[in-house]
């Protein structure tokens, strides 16, 4: 899981792809950890994640997979304040997101928010 934060631009897409595949079928503690890592990664390196989610290695469902994972983490951490926490997460990521990736971030946020009560 630490490999998604690699500084190696050549291997990073592979690790993001692998993480996405694991997210697809994970549950329990692994799912929680993946959600936490995805949420933090998008807060710290939104353009790297969003470029991956728009790229060749990502499938048409990758944004949905990441949204489900991030929403799961928000629902655990922010019980009773899920929508507010989702908006705070979006705002934090949005500050570091380049203009060309803002539409993808907004779509991801829309899907995260839809999964929060």
PDB file of N, CA and C in Angstrom:
ATOM      1  N   UNK A   1       0.809  -1.202   0.000  1.00  0.00           N
ATOM      2  CA  UNK A   1       0.000   0.000   0.000  1.00  0.00           C
ATOM      3  C   UNK A   1       0.849   1.262   0.000  1.00  0.00           C
ATOM      4  N   UNK A   2       2.005   1.204   0.628  1.00  0.00           N
ATOM      5  CA  UNK A   2       2.879   2.375   0.644  1.00  0.00           C
ATOM      6  C   UNK A   2       3.386   2.718  -0.748  1.00  0.00           C
ATOM      7  N   UNK A   3       3.366   1.765  -1.647  1.00  0.00           N
ATOM      8  CA  UNK A   3       3.936   1.961  -2.980  1.00  0.00           C
ATOM      9  C   UNK A   3       3.187   2.986  -3.821  1.00  0.00           C
ATOM     10  N   UNK A   4       1.925   3.291  -3.492  1.00  0.00           N
ATOM     11  CA  UNK A   4       1.226   4.311  -4.278  1.00  0.00           C
ATOM     12  C   UNK A   4       1.864   5.684  -4.087  1.00  0.00           C
ATOM     13  N   UNK A   5       2.619   5.842  -3.026  1.00  0.00           N
ATOM     14  CA  UNK A   5       3.282   7.124  -2.757  1.00  0.00           C
ATOM     15  C   UNK A   5       4.696   7.184  -3.321  1.00  0.00           C
ATOM     16  N   UNK A   6       5.049   6.226  -4.151  1.00  0.00           N
ATOM     17  CA  UNK A   6       6.390   6.210  -4.724  1.00  0.00           C
ATOM     18  C   UNK A   6       6.660   7.478  -5.524  1.00  0.00           C
ATOM     19  N   UNK A   7       7.891   7.904  -5.512  1.00  0.00           N
ATOM     20  CA  UNK A   7       8.293   9.060  -6.311  1.00  0.00           C
ATOM     21  C   UNK A   7       8.616   8.642  -7.753  1.00  0.00           C
ATOM     22  N   UNK A   8       8.659   7.343  -8.000  1.00  0.00           N
ATOM     23  CA  UNK A   8       8.965   6.808  -9.313  1.00  0.00           C
ATOM     24  C   UNK A   8       7.728   6.922 -10.214  1.00  0.00           C
ATOM     25  N   UNK A   9       7.758   7.869 -11.120  1.00  0.00           N
ATOM     26  CA  UNK A   9       6.610   8.130 -11.997  1.00  0.00           C
ATOM     27  C   UNK A   9       6.313   6.975 -12.947  1.00  0.00           C
ATOM     28  N   UNK A  10       7.312   6.124 -13.209  1.00  0.00           N
ATOM     29  CA  UNK A  10       7.082   4.995 -14.116  1.00  0.00           C
ATOM     30  C   UNK A  10       6.323   3.861 -13.447  1.00  0.00           C
ATOM     31  N   UNK A  11       6.569   3.628 -12.161  1.00  0.00           N
ATOM     32  CA  UNK A  11       5.906   2.511 -11.483  1.00  0.00           C
ATOM     33  C   UNK A  11       4.628   2.927 -10.747  1.00  0.00           C
ATOM     34  N   UNK A  12       4.469   4.218 -10.479  1.00  0.00           N
ATOM     35  CA  UNK A  12       3.297   4.697  -9.727  1.00  0.00           C
ATOM     36  C   UNK A  12       1.971   4.246 -10.350  1.00  0.00           C
ATOM     37  N   UNK A  13       1.773   4.391 -11.668  1.00  0.00           N
ATOM     38  CA  UNK A  13       0.485   3.953 -12.244  1.00  0.00           C
ATOM     39  C   UNK A  13       0.190   2.478 -11.987  1.00  0.00           C
ATOM     40  N   UNK A  14       1.228   1.648 -12.023  1.00  0.00           N
ATOM     41  CA  UNK A  14       1.019   0.225 -11.745  1.00  0.00           C
ATOM     42  C   UNK A  14       0.521   0.020 -10.318  1.00  0.00           C
ATOM     43  N   UNK A  15       1.137   0.703  -9.355  1.00  0.00           N
ATOM     44  CA  UNK A  15       0.723   0.546  -7.959  1.00  0.00           C
ATOM     45  C   UNK A  15      -0.676   1.109  -7.715  1.00  0.00           C
ATOM     46  N   UNK A  16      -1.017   2.189  -8.390  1.00  0.00           N
ATOM     47  CA  UNK A  16      -2.375   2.724  -8.280  1.00  0.00           C
ATOM     48  C   UNK A  16      -3.386   1.749  -8.896  1.00  0.00           C
ATOM     49  N   UNK A  17      -3.017   1.147 -10.018  1.00  0.00           N
ATOM     50  CA  UNK A  17      -3.863   0.132 -10.653  1.00  0.00           C
ATOM     51  C   UNK A  17      -4.058  -1.052  -9.707  1.00  0.00           C
ATOM     52  N   UNK A  18      -2.970  -1.525  -9.136  1.00  0.00           N
ATOM     53  CA  UNK A  18      -3.027  -2.657  -8.210  1.00  0.00           C
ATOM     54  C   UNK A  18      -3.888  -2.338  -6.995  1.00  0.00           C
ATOM     55  N   UNK A  19      -3.722  -1.151  -6.450  1.00  0.00           N
ATOM     56  CA  UNK A  19      -4.528  -0.726  -5.306  1.00  0.00           C
ATOM     57  C   UNK A  19      -6.005  -0.692  -5.676  1.00  0.00           C
ATOM     58  N   UNK A  20      -6.314  -0.208  -6.863  1.00  0.00           N
ATOM     59  CA  UNK A  20      -7.704  -0.157  -7.322  1.00  0.00           C
ATOM     60  C   UNK A  20      -8.284  -1.562  -7.433  1.00  0.00           C
ATOM     61  N   UNK A  21      -7.498  -2.494  -7.943  1.00  0.00           N
ATOM     62  CA  UNK A  21      -7.976  -3.876  -8.064  1.00  0.00           C
ATOM     63  C   UNK A  21      -8.236  -4.493  -6.696  1.00  0.00           C
ATOM     64  N   UNK A  22      -7.389  -4.193  -5.730  1.00  0.00           N
ATOM     65  CA  UNK A  22      -7.580  -4.706  -4.369  1.00  0.00           C
ATOM     66  C   UNK A  22      -8.817  -4.067  -3.740  1.00  0.00           C
ATOM     67  N   UNK A  23      -9.010  -2.757  -3.976  1.00  0.00           N
ATOM     68  CA  UNK A  23     -10.193  -2.056  -3.441  1.00  0.00           C
ATOM     69  C   UNK A  23     -11.478  -2.733  -3.906  1.00  0.00           C
ATOM     70  N   UNK A  24     -11.474  -3.194  -5.147  1.00  0.00           N
ATOM     71  CA  UNK A  24     -12.672  -3.769  -5.756  1.00  0.00           C
ATOM     72  C   UNK A  24     -13.236  -4.925  -4.940  1.00  0.00           C
ATOM     73  N   UNK A  25     -12.362  -5.757  -4.397  1.00  0.00           N
ATOM     74  CA  UNK A  25     -12.807  -6.981  -3.741  1.00  0.00           C
ATOM     75  C   UNK A  25     -12.524  -7.019  -2.240  1.00  0.00           C
ATOM     76  N   UNK A  26     -12.077  -5.916  -1.679  1.00  0.00           N
ATOM     77  CA  UNK A  26     -11.707  -5.929  -0.261  1.00  0.00           C
ATOM     78  C   UNK A  26     -12.925  -5.720   0.636  1.00  0.00           C
ATOM     79  N   UNK A  27     -12.767  -6.142   1.873  1.00  0.00           N
ATOM     80  CA  UNK A  27     -13.767  -5.851   2.898  1.00  0.00           C
ATOM     81  C   UNK A  27     -13.071  -5.807   4.254  1.00  0.00           C
ATOM     82  N   UNK A  28     -13.800  -5.431   5.270  1.00  0.00           N
ATOM     83  CA  UNK A  28     -13.256  -5.409   6.618  1.00  0.00           C
ATOM     84  C   UNK A  28     -12.109  -4.439   6.805  1.00  0.00           C
ATOM     85  N   UNK A  29     -11.135  -4.876   7.579  1.00  0.00           N
ATOM     86  CA  UNK A  29      -9.999  -4.024   7.944  1.00  0.00           C
ATOM     87  C   UNK A  29      -9.196  -3.583   6.721  1.00  0.00           C
ATOM     88  N   UNK A  30      -9.032  -4.465   5.742  1.00  0.00           N
ATOM     89  CA  UNK A  30      -8.297  -4.093   4.532  1.00  0.00           C
ATOM     90  C   UNK A  30      -9.027  -2.978   3.792  1.00  0.00           C
ATOM     91  N   UNK A  31     -10.324  -3.096   3.675  1.00  0.00           N
ATOM     92  CA  UNK A  31     -11.122  -2.077   3.010  1.00  0.00           C
ATOM     93  C   UNK A  31     -11.006  -0.727   3.726  1.00  0.00           C
ATOM     94  N   UNK A  32     -11.034  -0.757   5.046  1.00  0.00           N
ATOM     95  CA  UNK A  32     -10.882   0.471   5.828  1.00  0.00           C
ATOM     96  C   UNK A  32      -9.524   1.116   5.577  1.00  0.00           C
ATOM     97  N   UNK A  33      -8.485   0.320   5.570  1.00  0.00           N
ATOM     98  CA  UNK A  33      -7.127   0.835   5.355  1.00  0.00           C
ATOM     99  C   UNK A  33      -6.992   1.416   3.946  1.00  0.00           C
ATOM    100  N   UNK A  34      -7.547   0.735   2.970  1.00  0.00           N
ATOM    101  CA  UNK A  34      -7.496   1.240   1.602  1.00  0.00           C
ATOM    102  C   UNK A  34      -8.253   2.555   1.472  1.00  0.00           C
ATOM    103  N   UNK A  35      -9.390   2.651   2.115  1.00  0.00           N
ATOM    104  CA  UNK A  35     -10.168   3.891   2.081  1.00  0.00           C
ATOM    105  C   UNK A  35      -9.410   5.045   2.714  1.00  0.00           C
ATOM    106  N   UNK A  36      -8.768   4.771   3.835  1.00  0.00           N
ATOM    107  CA  UNK A  36      -7.964   5.798   4.500  1.00  0.00           C
ATOM    108  C   UNK A  36      -6.813   6.248   3.611  1.00  0.00           C
ATOM    109  N   UNK A  37      -6.108   5.294   3.015  1.00  0.00           N
ATOM    110  CA  UNK A  37      -4.977   5.631   2.139  1.00  0.00           C
ATOM    111  C   UNK A  37      -5.426   6.401   0.899  1.00  0.00           C
ATOM    112  N   UNK A  38      -6.536   5.981   0.295  1.00  0.00           N
ATOM    113  CA  UNK A  38      -7.042   6.670  -0.899  1.00  0.00           C
ATOM    114  C   UNK A  38      -7.443   8.104  -0.561  1.00  0.00           C
ATOM    115  N   UNK A  39      -8.117   8.270   0.558  1.00  0.00           N
ATOM    116  CA  UNK A  39      -8.549   9.603   0.989  1.00  0.00           C
ATOM    117  C   UNK A  39      -7.342  10.509   1.217  1.00  0.00           C
ATOM    118  N   UNK A  40      -6.359  10.014   1.945  1.00  0.00           N
ATOM    119  CA  UNK A  40      -5.155  10.807   2.227  1.00  0.00           C
ATOM    120  C   UNK A  40      -4.363  11.088   0.947  1.00  0.00           C
ATOM    121  N   UNK A  41      -4.264  10.097   0.078  1.00  0.00           N
ATOM    122  CA  UNK A  41      -3.506  10.268  -1.159  1.00  0.00           C
ATOM    123  C   UNK A  41      -4.124  11.374  -2.016  1.00  0.00           C
ATOM    124  N   UNK A  42      -5.444  11.388  -2.091  1.00  0.00           N
ATOM    125  CA  UNK A  42      -6.112  12.427  -2.870  1.00  0.00           C
ATOM    126  C   UNK A  42      -6.008  13.794  -2.209  1.00  0.00           C
ATOM    127  N   UNK A  43      -5.879  13.846  -0.904  1.00  0.00           N
ATOM    128  CA  UNK A  43      -5.669  15.120  -0.222  1.00  0.00           C
ATOM    129  C   UNK A  43      -4.249  15.644  -0.467  1.00  0.00           C
ATOM    130  N   UNK A  44      -3.293  14.740  -0.491  1.00  0.00           N
ATOM    131  CA  UNK A  44      -1.891  15.134  -0.597  1.00  0.00           C
ATOM    132  C   UNK A  44      -1.403  15.240  -2.036  1.00  0.00           C
ATOM    133  N   UNK A  45      -1.855  14.350  -2.906  1.00  0.00           N
ATOM    134  CA  UNK A  45      -1.385  14.284  -4.300  1.00  0.00           C
ATOM    135  C   UNK A  45      -2.566  14.130  -5.257  1.00  0.00           C
ATOM    136  N   UNK A  46      -3.502  15.065  -5.235  1.00  0.00           N
ATOM    137  CA  UNK A  46      -4.709  14.853  -6.041  1.00  0.00           C
ATOM    138  C   UNK A  46      -4.438  14.702  -7.534  1.00  0.00           C
ATOM    139  N   UNK A  47      -3.524  15.488  -8.077  1.00  0.00           N
ATOM    140  CA  UNK A  47      -3.294  15.395  -9.521  1.00  0.00           C
ATOM    141  C   UNK A  47      -2.761  14.019  -9.926  1.00  0.00           C
ATOM    142  N   UNK A  48      -1.884  13.444  -9.118  1.00  0.00           N
ATOM    143  CA  UNK A  48      -1.342  12.118  -9.450  1.00  0.00           C
ATOM    144  C   UNK A  48      -2.458  11.072  -9.470  1.00  0.00           C
ATOM    145  N   UNK A  49      -3.340  11.119  -8.475  1.00  0.00           N
ATOM    146  CA  UNK A  49      -4.454  10.171  -8.432  1.00  0.00           C
ATOM    147  C   UNK A  49      -5.443  10.416  -9.561  1.00  0.00           C
ATOM    148  N   UNK A  50      -5.754  11.668  -9.812  1.00  0.00           N
ATOM    149  CA  UNK A  50      -6.755  11.993 -10.839  1.00  0.00           C
ATOM    150  C   UNK A  50      -6.251  11.703 -12.242  1.00  0.00           C
ATOM    151  N   UNK A  51      -4.974  11.925 -12.479  1.00  0.00           N
ATOM    152  CA  UNK A  51      -4.392  11.567 -13.778  1.00  0.00           C
ATOM    153  C   UNK A  51      -4.493  10.057 -13.983  1.00  0.00           C
ATOM    154  N   UNK A  52      -4.215   9.292 -12.922  1.00  0.00           N
ATOM    155  CA  UNK A  52      -4.376   7.841 -13.015  1.00  0.00           C
ATOM    156  C   UNK A  52      -5.828   7.480 -13.332  1.00  0.00           C
ATOM    157  N   UNK A  53      -6.770   8.078 -12.616  1.00  0.00           N
ATOM    158  CA  UNK A  53      -8.184   7.744 -12.794  1.00  0.00           C
ATOM    159  C   UNK A  53      -8.703   8.104 -14.180  1.00  0.00           C
ATOM    160  N   UNK A  54      -8.009   8.977 -14.886  1.00  0.00           N
ATOM    161  CA  UNK A  54      -8.381   9.347 -16.250  1.00  0.00           C
ATOM    162  C   UNK A  54      -7.574   8.578 -17.297  1.00  0.00           C
ATOM    163  N   UNK A  55      -6.567   7.834 -16.855  1.00  0.00           N
ATOM    164  CA  UNK A  55      -5.600   7.248 -17.777  1.00  0.00           C
ATOM    165  C   UNK A  55      -5.941   5.882 -18.321  1.00  0.00           C
ATOM    166  N   UNK A  56      -4.980   5.338 -19.051  1.00  0.00           N
ATOM    167  CA  UNK A  56      -5.150   4.069 -19.757  1.00  0.00           C
ATOM    168  C   UNK A  56      -5.289   2.863 -18.840  1.00  0.00           C
ATOM    169  N   UNK A  57      -4.620   2.884 -17.688  1.00  0.00           N
ATOM    170  CA  UNK A  57      -4.699   1.732 -16.782  1.00  0.00           C
ATOM    171  C   UNK A  57      -6.006   1.698 -15.998  1.00  0.00           C
ATOM    172  N   UNK A  58      -6.669   2.821 -15.894  1.00  0.00           N
ATOM    173  CA  UNK A  58      -7.923   2.887 -15.151  1.00  0.00           C
ATOM    174  C   UNK A  58      -9.069   2.367 -16.015  1.00  0.00           C
ATOM    175  N   UNK A  59     -10.007   1.704 -15.373  1.00  0.00           N
ATOM    176  CA  UNK A  59     -11.186   1.234 -16.097  1.00  0.00           C
ATOM    177  C   UNK A  59     -12.294   2.265 -15.945  1.00  0.00           C
ATOM    178  N   UNK A  60     -13.383   2.043 -16.638  1.00  0.00           N
ATOM    179  CA  UNK A  60     -14.510   2.977 -16.560  1.00  0.00           C
ATOM    180  C   UNK A  60     -15.118   2.994 -15.157  1.00  0.00           C
ATOM    181  N   UNK A  61     -14.826   1.986 -14.357  1.00  0.00           N
ATOM    182  CA  UNK A  61     -15.378   1.921 -13.002  1.00  0.00           C
ATOM    183  C   UNK A  61     -14.375   2.351 -11.924  1.00  0.00           C
ATOM    184  N   UNK A  62     -13.184   2.756 -12.299  1.00  0.00           N
ATOM    185  CA  UNK A  62     -12.161   3.099 -11.304  1.00  0.00           C
ATOM    186  C   UNK A  62     -12.586   4.249 -10.398  1.00  0.00           C
ATOM    187  N   UNK A  63     -13.201   5.283 -10.965  1.00  0.00           N
ATOM    188  CA  UNK A  63     -13.651   6.406 -10.135  1.00  0.00           C
ATOM    189  C   UNK A  63     -14.683   5.919  -9.130  1.00  0.00           C
ATOM    190  N   UNK A  64     -15.578   5.072  -9.567  1.00  0.00           N
ATOM    191  CA  UNK A  64     -16.598   4.522  -8.674  1.00  0.00           C
ATOM    192  C   UNK A  64     -15.972   3.680  -7.559  1.00  0.00           C
ATOM    193  N   UNK A  65     -14.965   2.912  -7.896  1.00  0.00           N
ATOM    194  CA  UNK A  65     -14.275   2.080  -6.897  1.00  0.00           C
ATOM    195  C   UNK A  65     -13.606   2.962  -5.850  1.00  0.00           C
ATOM    196  N   UNK A  66     -12.915   4.010  -6.303  1.00  0.00           N
ATOM    197  CA  UNK A  66     -12.253   4.934  -5.369  1.00  0.00           C
ATOM    198  C   UNK A  66     -13.307   5.671  -4.541  1.00  0.00           C
ATOM    199  N   UNK A  67     -14.399   6.087  -5.161  1.00  0.00           N
ATOM    200  CA  UNK A  67     -15.454   6.804  -4.435  1.00  0.00           C
ATOM    201  C   UNK A  67     -16.038   5.940  -3.328  1.00  0.00           C
ATOM    202  N   UNK A  68     -16.297   4.696  -3.638  1.00  0.00           N
ATOM    203  CA  UNK A  68     -16.856   3.782  -2.638  1.00  0.00           C
ATOM    204  C   UNK A  68     -15.884   3.608  -1.469  1.00  0.00           C
ATOM    205  N   UNK A  69     -14.614   3.465  -1.778  1.00  0.00           N
ATOM    206  CA  UNK A  69     -13.597   3.265  -0.744  1.00  0.00           C
ATOM    207  C   UNK A  69     -13.448   4.511   0.138  1.00  0.00           C
ATOM    208  N   UNK A  70     -13.379   5.684  -0.486  1.00  0.00           N
ATOM    209  CA  UNK A  70     -13.238   6.932   0.268  1.00  0.00           C
ATOM    210  C   UNK A  70     -14.495   7.201   1.098  1.00  0.00           C
ATOM    211  N   UNK A  71     -15.659   6.986   0.520  1.00  0.00           N
ATOM    212  CA  UNK A  71     -16.906   7.183   1.256  1.00  0.00           C
ATOM    213  C   UNK A  71     -16.983   6.249   2.455  1.00  0.00           C
ATOM    214  N   UNK A  72     -16.522   5.021   2.288  1.00  0.00           N
ATOM    215  CA  UNK A  72     -16.511   4.083   3.407  1.00  0.00           C
ATOM    216  C   UNK A  72     -15.683   4.610   4.569  1.00  0.00           C
ATOM    217  N   UNK A  73     -14.539   5.177   4.257  1.00  0.00           N
ATOM    218  CA  UNK A  73     -13.682   5.756   5.299  1.00  0.00           C
ATOM    219  C   UNK A  73     -14.354   6.952   5.952  1.00  0.00           C
ATOM    220  N   UNK A  74     -14.943   7.821   5.150  1.00  0.00           N
ATOM    221  CA  UNK A  74     -15.633   8.997   5.694  1.00  0.00           C
ATOM    222  C   UNK A  74     -16.803   8.569   6.580  1.00  0.00           C
ATOM    223  N   UNK A  75     -17.547   7.563   6.162  1.00  0.00           N
ATOM    224  CA  UNK A  75     -18.692   7.089   6.940  1.00  0.00           C
ATOM    225  C   UNK A  75     -18.266   6.524   8.292  1.00  0.00           C
ATOM    226  N   UNK A  76     -17.088   5.935   8.357  1.00  0.00           N
ATOM    227  CA  UNK A  76     -16.566   5.403   9.622  1.00  0.00           C
ATOM    228  C   UNK A  76     -16.060   6.540  10.511  1.00  0.00           C
ATOM    229  N   UNK A  77     -15.263   7.422   9.925  1.00  0.00           N
ATOM    230  CA  UNK A  77     -14.620   8.488  10.701  1.00  0.00           C
ATOM    231  C   UNK A  77     -15.565   9.609  11.129  1.00  0.00           C
ATOM    232  N   UNK A  78     -16.608   9.844  10.384  1.00  0.00           N
ATOM    233  CA  UNK A  78     -17.425  11.051  10.591  1.00  0.00           C
ATOM    234  C   UNK A  78     -18.886  10.717  10.854  1.00  0.00           C
ATOM    235  N   UNK A  79     -19.131   9.694  11.610  1.00  0.00           N
ATOM    236  CA  UNK A  79     -20.503   9.259  11.849  1.00  0.00           C
ATOM    237  C   UNK A  79     -21.369  10.434  12.308  1.00  0.00           C
ATOM    238  N   UNK A  80     -22.450  10.673  11.585  1.00  0.00           N
ATOM    239  CA  UNK A  80     -23.353  11.763  11.900  1.00  0.00           C
ATOM    240  C   UNK A  80     -23.011  13.065  11.191  1.00  0.00           C
ATOM    241  N   UNK A  81     -21.814  13.163  10.617  1.00  0.00           N
ATOM    242  CA  UNK A  81     -21.379  14.377   9.918  1.00  0.00           C
ATOM    243  C   UNK A  81     -20.748  14.027   8.571  1.00  0.00           C
ATOM    244  N   UNK A  82     -21.233  12.974   7.957  1.00  0.00           N
ATOM    245  CA  UNK A  82     -20.616  12.438   6.750  1.00  0.00           C
ATOM    246  C   UNK A  82     -20.549  13.438   5.599  1.00  0.00           C
ATOM    247  N   UNK A  83     -21.659  14.099   5.310  1.00  0.00           N
ATOM    248  CA  UNK A  83     -21.684  15.054   4.188  1.00  0.00           C
ATOM    249  C   UNK A  83     -20.705  16.208   4.430  1.00  0.00           C
ATOM    250  N   UNK A  84     -20.657  16.695   5.654  1.00  0.00           N
ATOM    251  CA  UNK A  84     -19.739  17.778   5.999  1.00  0.00           C
ATOM    252  C   UNK A  84     -18.294  17.320   5.842  1.00  0.00           C
ATOM    253  N   UNK A  85     -17.966  16.122   6.287  1.00  0.00           N
ATOM    254  CA  UNK A  85     -16.609  15.584   6.153  1.00  0.00           C
ATOM    255  C   UNK A  85     -16.245  15.364   4.688  1.00  0.00           C
ATOM    256  N   UNK A  86     -17.212  14.887   3.900  1.00  0.00           N
ATOM    257  CA  UNK A  86     -16.954  14.685   2.474  1.00  0.00           C
ATOM    258  C   UNK A  86     -16.634  16.020   1.810  1.00  0.00           C
ATOM    259  N   UNK A  87     -17.356  17.061   2.169  1.00  0.00           N
ATOM    260  CA  UNK A  87     -17.112  18.395   1.609  1.00  0.00           C
ATOM    261  C   UNK A  87     -15.744  18.919   2.051  1.00  0.00           C
ATOM    262  N   UNK A  88     -15.370  18.685   3.296  1.00  0.00           N
ATOM    263  CA  UNK A  88     -14.047  19.112   3.781  1.00  0.00           C
ATOM    264  C   UNK A  88     -12.940  18.379   3.028  1.00  0.00           C
ATOM    265  N   UNK A  89     -13.148  17.085   2.787  1.00  0.00           N
ATOM    266  CA  UNK A  89     -12.165  16.305   2.021  1.00  0.00           C
ATOM    267  C   UNK A  89     -12.031  16.882   0.614  1.00  0.00           C
ATOM    268  N   UNK A  90     -13.160  17.143  -0.016  1.00  0.00           N
ATOM    269  CA  UNK A  90     -13.156  17.715  -1.361  1.00  0.00           C
ATOM    270  C   UNK A  90     -12.434  19.060  -1.388  1.00  0.00           C
ATOM    271  N   UNK A  91     -12.768  19.925  -0.451  1.00  0.00           N
ATOM    272  CA  UNK A  91     -12.148  21.254  -0.407  1.00  0.00           C
ATOM    273  C   UNK A  91     -10.636  21.158  -0.234  1.00  0.00           C
ATOM    274  N   UNK A  92     -10.191  20.247   0.613  1.00  0.00           N
ATOM    275  CA  UNK A  92      -8.751  20.068   0.836  1.00  0.00           C
ATOM    276  C   UNK A  92      -8.064  19.590  -0.440  1.00  0.00           C
ATOM    277  N   UNK A  93      -8.649  18.599  -1.100  1.00  0.00           N
ATOM    278  CA  UNK A  93      -8.074  18.084  -2.349  1.00  0.00           C
ATOM    279  C   UNK A  93      -8.154  19.125  -3.460  1.00  0.00           C
ATOM    280  N   UNK A  94      -9.244  19.851  -3.511  1.00  0.00           N
ATOM    281  CA  UNK A  94      -9.468  20.831  -4.568  1.00  0.00           C
ATOM    282  C   UNK A  94      -8.418  21.947  -4.546  1.00  0.00           C
ATOM    283  N   UNK A  95      -7.958  22.317  -3.374  1.00  0.00           N
ATOM    284  CA  UNK A  95      -6.938  23.374  -3.247  1.00  0.00           C
ATOM    285  C   UNK A  95      -5.637  22.994  -3.950  1.00  0.00           C
ATOM    286  N   UNK A  96      -5.344  21.693  -4.018  1.00  0.00           N
ATOM    287  CA  UNK A  96      -4.096  21.225  -4.620  1.00  0.00           C
ATOM    288  C   UNK A  96      -4.281  20.660  -6.028  1.00  0.00           C
ATOM    289  N   UNK A  97      -5.500  20.701  -6.533  1.00  0.00           N
ATOM    290  CA  UNK A  97      -5.798  20.109  -7.832  1.00  0.00           C
ATOM    291  C   UNK A  97      -5.627  21.146  -8.939  1.00  0.00           C
ATOM    292  N   UNK A  98      -4.929  20.753  -9.995  1.00  0.00           N
ATOM    293  CA  UNK A  98      -4.761  21.660 -11.131  1.00  0.00           C
ATOM    294  C   UNK A  98      -6.090  21.808 -11.876  1.00  0.00           C
ATOM    295  N   UNK A  99      -6.214  22.882 -12.589  1.00  0.00           N
ATOM    296  CA  UNK A  99      -7.452  23.202 -13.313  1.00  0.00           C
ATOM    297  C   UNK A  99      -7.874  22.059 -14.234  1.00  0.00           C
ATOM    298  N   UNK A 100      -6.921  21.433 -14.909  1.00  0.00           N
ATOM    299  CA  UNK A 100      -7.269  20.389 -15.875  1.00  0.00           C
ATOM    300  C   UNK A 100      -7.859  19.135 -15.226  1.00  0.00           C
ATOM    301  N   UNK A 101      -7.673  18.964 -13.907  1.00  0.00           N
ATOM    302  CA  UNK A 101      -8.175  17.771 -13.221  1.00  0.00           C
ATOM    303  C   UNK A 101      -9.384  18.045 -12.329  1.00  0.00           C
ATOM    304  N   UNK A 102      -9.822  19.283 -12.267  1.00  0.00           N
ATOM    305  CA  UNK A 102     -10.916  19.646 -11.354  1.00  0.00           C
ATOM    306  C   UNK A 102     -12.229  18.944 -11.711  1.00  0.00           C
ATOM    307  N   UNK A 103     -12.488  18.745 -12.989  1.00  0.00           N
ATOM    308  CA  UNK A 103     -13.728  18.079 -13.384  1.00  0.00           C
ATOM    309  C   UNK A 103     -13.761  16.632 -12.875  1.00  0.00           C
ATOM    310  N   UNK A 104     -12.633  15.948 -12.960  1.00  0.00           N
ATOM    311  CA  UNK A 104     -12.569  14.566 -12.476  1.00  0.00           C
ATOM    312  C   UNK A 104     -12.730  14.538 -10.961  1.00  0.00           C
ATOM    313  N   UNK A 105     -12.099  15.480 -10.256  1.00  0.00           N
ATOM    314  CA  UNK A 105     -12.257  15.550  -8.805  1.00  0.00           C
ATOM    315  C   UNK A 105     -13.710  15.809  -8.436  1.00  0.00           C
ATOM    316  N   UNK A 106     -14.359  16.700  -9.166  1.00  0.00           N
ATOM    317  CA  UNK A 106     -15.758  17.008  -8.884  1.00  0.00           C
ATOM    318  C   UNK A 106     -16.645  15.783  -9.089  1.00  0.00           C
ATOM    319  N   UNK A 107     -16.372  15.005 -10.130  1.00  0.00           N
ATOM    320  CA  UNK A 107     -17.129  13.772 -10.358  1.00  0.00           C
ATOM    321  C   UNK A 107     -16.879  12.769  -9.230  1.00  0.00           C
ATOM    322  N   UNK A 108     -15.642  12.646  -8.814  1.00  0.00           N
ATOM    323  CA  UNK A 108     -15.311  11.747  -7.702  1.00  0.00           C
ATOM    324  C   UNK A 108     -16.046  12.196  -6.442  1.00  0.00           C
ATOM    325  N   UNK A 109     -16.003  13.486  -6.151  1.00  0.00           N
ATOM    326  CA  UNK A 109     -16.697  14.024  -4.976  1.00  0.00           C
ATOM    327  C   UNK A 109     -18.196  13.759  -5.063  1.00  0.00           C
ATOM    328  N   UNK A 110     -18.777  13.950  -6.230  1.00  0.00           N
ATOM    329  CA  UNK A 110     -20.211  13.697  -6.406  1.00  0.00           C
ATOM    330  C   UNK A 110     -20.559  12.263  -6.019  1.00  0.00           C
ATOM    331  N   UNK A 111     -19.701  11.336  -6.450  1.00  0.00           N
ATOM    332  CA  UNK A 111     -19.943   9.925  -6.138  1.00  0.00           C
ATOM    333  C   UNK A 111     -19.676   9.613  -4.663  1.00  0.00           C
ATOM    334  N   UNK A 112     -18.673  10.236  -4.083  1.00  0.00           N
ATOM    335  CA  UNK A 112     -18.397  10.044  -2.650  1.00  0.00           C
ATOM    336  C   UNK A 112     -19.581  10.562  -1.845  1.00  0.00           C
ATOM    337  N   UNK A 113     -20.007  11.779  -2.129  1.00  0.00           N
ATOM    338  CA  UNK A 113     -21.096  12.412  -1.396  1.00  0.00           C
ATOM    339  C   UNK A 113     -22.391  11.601  -1.502  1.00  0.00           C
ATOM    340  N   UNK A 114     -22.654  11.024  -2.666  1.00  0.00           N
ATOM    341  CA  UNK A 114     -23.861  10.218  -2.862  1.00  0.00           C
ATOM    342  C   UNK A 114     -23.860   8.970  -1.971  1.00  0.00           C
ATOM    343  N   UNK A 115     -22.681   8.534  -1.546  1.00  0.00           N
ATOM    344  CA  UNK A 115     -22.567   7.349  -0.714  1.00  0.00           C
ATOM    345  C   UNK A 115     -22.532   7.682   0.789  1.00  0.00           C
ATOM    346  N   UNK A 116     -22.633   8.962   1.111  1.00  0.00           N
ATOM    347  CA  UNK A 116     -22.624   9.408   2.504  1.00  0.00           C
ATOM    348  C   UNK A 116     -24.046   9.799   2.914  1.00  0.00           C
ATOM    349  N   UNK A 117     -24.499   9.286   4.061  1.00  0.00           N
ATOM    350  CA  UNK A 117     -25.866   9.631   4.509  1.00  0.00           C
ATOM    351  C   UNK A 117     -26.001  11.094   4.911  1.00  0.00           C
TER     352      UNK A 117
END
